[in-house]
Amino acid sequence: MPCQRKVTYHEAMLVLSVASYLLIAIGLLGALDIAVFHTRSHNLRSQPSARLELLTHSLRGPTYAVLFAVVPNFAAHGSWFLVMLLVLVFDVGISVWDFSVERRSRAPLGGLPTGEYVLHSIIAMLFGGFVACYCVGAADWLEQDTAWVYEPNVPWPVQAMLAAMAVGVLVSGIQDALAVVKLGRGAR
């Protein structure tokens, strides 16, 4: 095939840095989604109809915390690369599940706002770009000995921003999980 050539180390690091910057965009838009649509517009954490949707969000919190912490900082060599691919597949599954329950979850609240639907579409496209960049940049890692290698692909301020996002999304996921438990007790 004419397009098959090895990506150089420099090219791989450049593509991985693009993946990290795409994560920033995803994180900022996700925070906007939580602040505007989940909290301000619909106050989902207090809505019994949103319990299943909140469960999907509670799973997304730790998933994105891993991505925000690992991608800008570490090379996942060998089997760890397969674990990272499983994290990506798991997130796609969460997204499909979330999209499938949102309509029912939001029906008593007036439905899913158009702005949130558009925002989810943009985030999904950015996530696709992120996955493509991550897989291209990390393509050679599977052939390496299994190890986590500290190998930052972005400057420290970007690493710090993504670390703060990791903490924020993890806290949000925990809050969603606590809301699921609280709403479940209220249903009994």
Protein backbone atom coordinates (compact mmCIF):
# COMPACT_ATOMS: atom_id res chain seq x y z
CA MET A 1 0.00 0.00 0.00
CA PRO A 2 1.38 3.43 -0.91
CA CYS A 3 0.40 5.18 2.36
CA GLN A 4 2.05 2.74 4.76
CA ARG A 5 5.06 4.31 6.42
CA LYS A 6 6.21 4.52 9.99
CA VAL A 7 5.42 7.69 11.88
CA THR A 8 8.59 9.29 13.24
CA TYR A 9 8.95 9.99 16.96
CA HIS A 10 8.62 13.73 16.32
CA GLU A 11 5.46 13.23 14.24
CA ALA A 12 3.98 10.92 16.88
CA MET A 13 4.61 13.48 19.64
CA LEU A 14 3.04 16.22 17.50
CA VAL A 15 -0.08 14.14 16.85
CA LEU A 16 -0.28 13.22 20.56
CA SER A 17 -0.06 16.90 21.48
CA VAL A 18 -3.01 17.55 19.15
CA ALA A 19 -4.86 14.79 21.05
CA SER A 20 -4.12 16.60 24.33
CA TYR A 21 -5.36 19.92 22.96
CA LEU A 22 -8.52 18.23 21.69
CA LEU A 23 -9.03 16.92 25.24
CA ILE A 24 -8.90 20.52 26.49
CA ALA A 25 -11.63 21.48 24.03
CA ILE A 26 -13.70 18.44 25.04
CA GLY A 27 -13.18 19.26 28.73
CA LEU A 28 -14.19 22.90 28.34
CA LEU A 29 -17.30 22.04 26.34
CA GLY A 30 -18.15 19.25 28.78
CA ALA A 31 -17.86 21.68 31.70
CA LEU A 32 -20.14 24.09 29.82
CA ASP A 33 -22.64 21.26 29.30
CA ILE A 34 -22.61 20.40 33.01
CA ALA A 35 -22.86 24.02 34.17
CA VAL A 36 -25.52 25.23 31.73
CA PHE A 37 -27.66 22.24 30.85
CA HIS A 38 -27.19 19.68 33.63
CA THR A 39 -27.10 22.12 36.54
CA ARG A 40 -28.65 25.49 35.67
CA SER A 41 -31.35 24.53 33.16
CA HIS A 42 -32.45 21.15 34.50
CA ASN A 43 -30.81 20.65 37.91
CA LEU A 44 -30.45 16.97 36.99
CA ARG A 45 -29.04 15.88 40.35
CA SER A 46 -32.43 16.54 41.96
CA GLN A 47 -34.65 15.03 39.24
CA PRO A 48 -35.89 11.47 39.80
CA SER A 49 -36.40 11.07 36.04
CA ALA A 50 -32.66 11.69 35.51
CA ARG A 51 -31.42 8.87 37.74
CA LEU A 52 -30.32 6.58 34.88
CA GLU A 53 -28.77 9.49 32.98
CA LEU A 54 -26.86 10.49 36.12
CA LEU A 55 -25.57 6.93 36.35
CA THR A 56 -24.05 7.27 32.88
CA HIS A 57 -22.52 10.60 33.91
CA SER A 58 -21.08 9.05 37.07
CA LEU A 59 -19.21 6.53 34.89
CA ARG A 60 -17.97 9.21 32.54
CA GLY A 61 -16.33 11.20 35.37
CA PRO A 62 -13.60 8.68 36.20
CA THR A 63 -13.21 7.72 32.54
CA TYR A 64 -12.37 11.28 31.54
CA ALA A 65 -10.25 11.76 34.67
CA VAL A 66 -8.05 8.91 33.40
CA LEU A 67 -7.85 10.43 29.91
CA PHE A 68 -7.05 13.93 31.20
CA ALA A 69 -4.34 12.57 33.51
CA VAL A 70 -2.75 9.98 31.23
CA VAL A 71 -2.83 11.29 27.66
CA PRO A 72 -0.75 14.49 28.10
CA ASN A 73 1.76 12.81 30.43
CA PHE A 74 2.31 9.12 29.76
CA ALA A 75 3.04 6.67 26.98
CA ALA A 76 1.07 3.47 27.57
CA HIS A 77 3.41 0.83 26.19
CA GLY A 78 2.53 -2.78 25.45
CA SER A 79 -0.57 -4.12 27.18
CA TRP A 80 -1.24 -0.73 28.78
CA PHE A 81 -2.01 0.60 25.30
CA LEU A 82 -4.74 -2.05 25.00
CA VAL A 83 -6.09 -0.92 28.37
CA MET A 84 -6.25 2.67 27.07
CA LEU A 85 -8.09 1.44 23.96
CA LEU A 86 -10.58 -0.30 26.26
CA VAL A 87 -11.08 2.99 28.12
CA LEU A 88 -11.88 4.67 24.79
CA VAL A 89 -14.31 1.91 23.79
CA PHE A 90 -15.90 2.07 27.27
CA ASP A 91 -16.44 5.81 26.83
CA VAL A 92 -18.12 5.28 23.47
CA GLY A 93 -20.41 2.75 25.15
CA ILE A 94 -21.22 5.26 27.90
CA SER A 95 -22.02 7.88 25.26
CA VAL A 96 -24.37 5.58 23.37
CA TRP A 97 -26.10 4.61 26.62
CA ASP A 98 -26.32 8.28 27.71
CA PHE A 99 -27.81 9.33 24.36
CA SER A 100 -30.33 6.48 24.56
CA VAL A 101 -31.65 7.49 28.01
CA GLU A 102 -31.50 11.29 27.73
CA ARG A 103 -34.76 11.75 25.85
CA ARG A 104 -36.77 9.81 28.45
CA SER A 105 -34.82 11.37 31.31
CA ARG A 106 -35.53 14.90 30.13
CA ALA A 107 -39.15 14.43 29.00
CA PRO A 108 -40.63 15.62 32.34
CA LEU A 109 -38.27 18.63 32.17
CA GLY A 110 -39.41 19.84 28.76
CA GLY A 111 -37.07 17.68 26.70
CA LEU A 112 -33.42 17.90 25.73
CA PRO A 113 -32.59 21.51 24.78
CA THR A 114 -31.46 22.02 21.19
CA GLY A 115 -28.29 23.70 22.42
CA GLU A 116 -27.34 20.65 24.45
CA TYR A 117 -28.00 18.35 21.50
CA VAL A 118 -25.73 20.52 19.30
CA LEU A 119 -23.07 20.65 22.04
CA HIS A 120 -23.12 16.85 22.36
CA SER A 121 -22.70 16.54 18.59
CA ILE A 122 -19.66 18.84 18.63
CA ILE A 123 -18.12 17.00 21.59
CA ALA A 124 -18.67 13.67 19.80
CA MET A 125 -16.88 14.96 16.68
CA LEU A 126 -13.99 16.27 18.79
CA PHE A 127 -13.82 12.93 20.58
CA GLY A 128 -13.55 11.16 17.21
CA GLY A 129 -10.66 13.45 16.27
CA PHE A 130 -9.05 12.83 19.65
CA VAL A 131 -9.28 9.04 19.26
CA ALA A 132 -7.82 9.22 15.74
CA CYS A 133 -4.90 11.38 16.91
CA TYR A 134 -4.26 9.22 19.97
CA CYS A 135 -4.25 6.00 17.95
CA VAL A 136 -2.00 7.39 15.20
CA GLY A 137 0.41 8.97 17.68
CA ALA A 138 0.54 5.87 19.89
CA ALA A 139 0.57 3.26 17.12
CA ASP A 140 4.06 1.97 17.96
CA TRP A 141 3.38 1.60 21.70
CA LEU A 142 1.78 -1.81 21.35
CA GLU A 143 5.13 -3.21 20.15
CA GLN A 144 6.95 -1.90 23.25
CA ASP A 145 7.48 -3.71 26.54
CA THR A 146 4.51 -3.19 28.87
CA ALA A 147 5.16 -0.08 30.97
CA TRP A 148 3.93 3.39 31.77
CA VAL A 149 6.52 5.86 30.52
CA TYR A 150 6.45 9.47 31.64
CA GLU A 151 6.64 11.24 28.30
CA PRO A 152 4.80 14.59 28.27
CA ASN A 153 3.57 15.69 24.86
CA VAL A 154 2.49 19.23 25.86
CA PRO A 155 4.04 22.03 27.96
CA TRP A 156 3.51 21.97 31.75
CA PRO A 157 0.75 24.65 31.78
CA VAL A 158 -1.34 22.41 29.50
CA GLN A 159 -0.54 19.40 31.70
CA ALA A 160 -1.66 21.42 34.74
CA MET A 161 -4.88 22.49 33.04
CA LEU A 162 -5.73 18.91 32.12
CA ALA A 163 -4.84 17.76 35.66
CA ALA A 164 -7.30 20.34 37.04
CA MET A 165 -9.90 19.10 34.56
CA ALA A 166 -9.23 15.51 35.72
CA VAL A 167 -9.98 16.49 39.31
CA GLY A 168 -13.06 18.50 38.27
CA VAL A 169 -14.60 15.75 36.15
CA LEU A 170 -13.87 13.15 38.83
CA VAL A 171 -15.61 15.29 41.48
CA SER A 172 -18.54 15.82 39.11
CA GLY A 173 -18.79 12.07 38.52
CA ILE A 174 -18.78 11.43 42.26
CA GLN A 175 -21.52 14.04 42.74
CA ASP A 176 -23.57 12.32 40.03
CA ALA A 177 -23.07 8.92 41.73
CA LEU A 178 -24.17 10.37 45.08
CA ALA A 179 -27.25 11.85 43.39
CA VAL A 180 -28.09 8.43 41.92
CA VAL A 181 -27.96 6.92 45.43
CA LYS A 182 -29.95 9.79 46.96
CA LEU A 183 -32.62 9.67 44.24
CA GLY A 184 -32.82 5.89 44.64
CA ARG A 185 -33.52 6.26 48.34
CA GLY A 186 -36.24 8.80 47.55
CA ALA A 187 -37.93 6.35 45.18
CA ARG A 188 -38.32 3.73 47.93
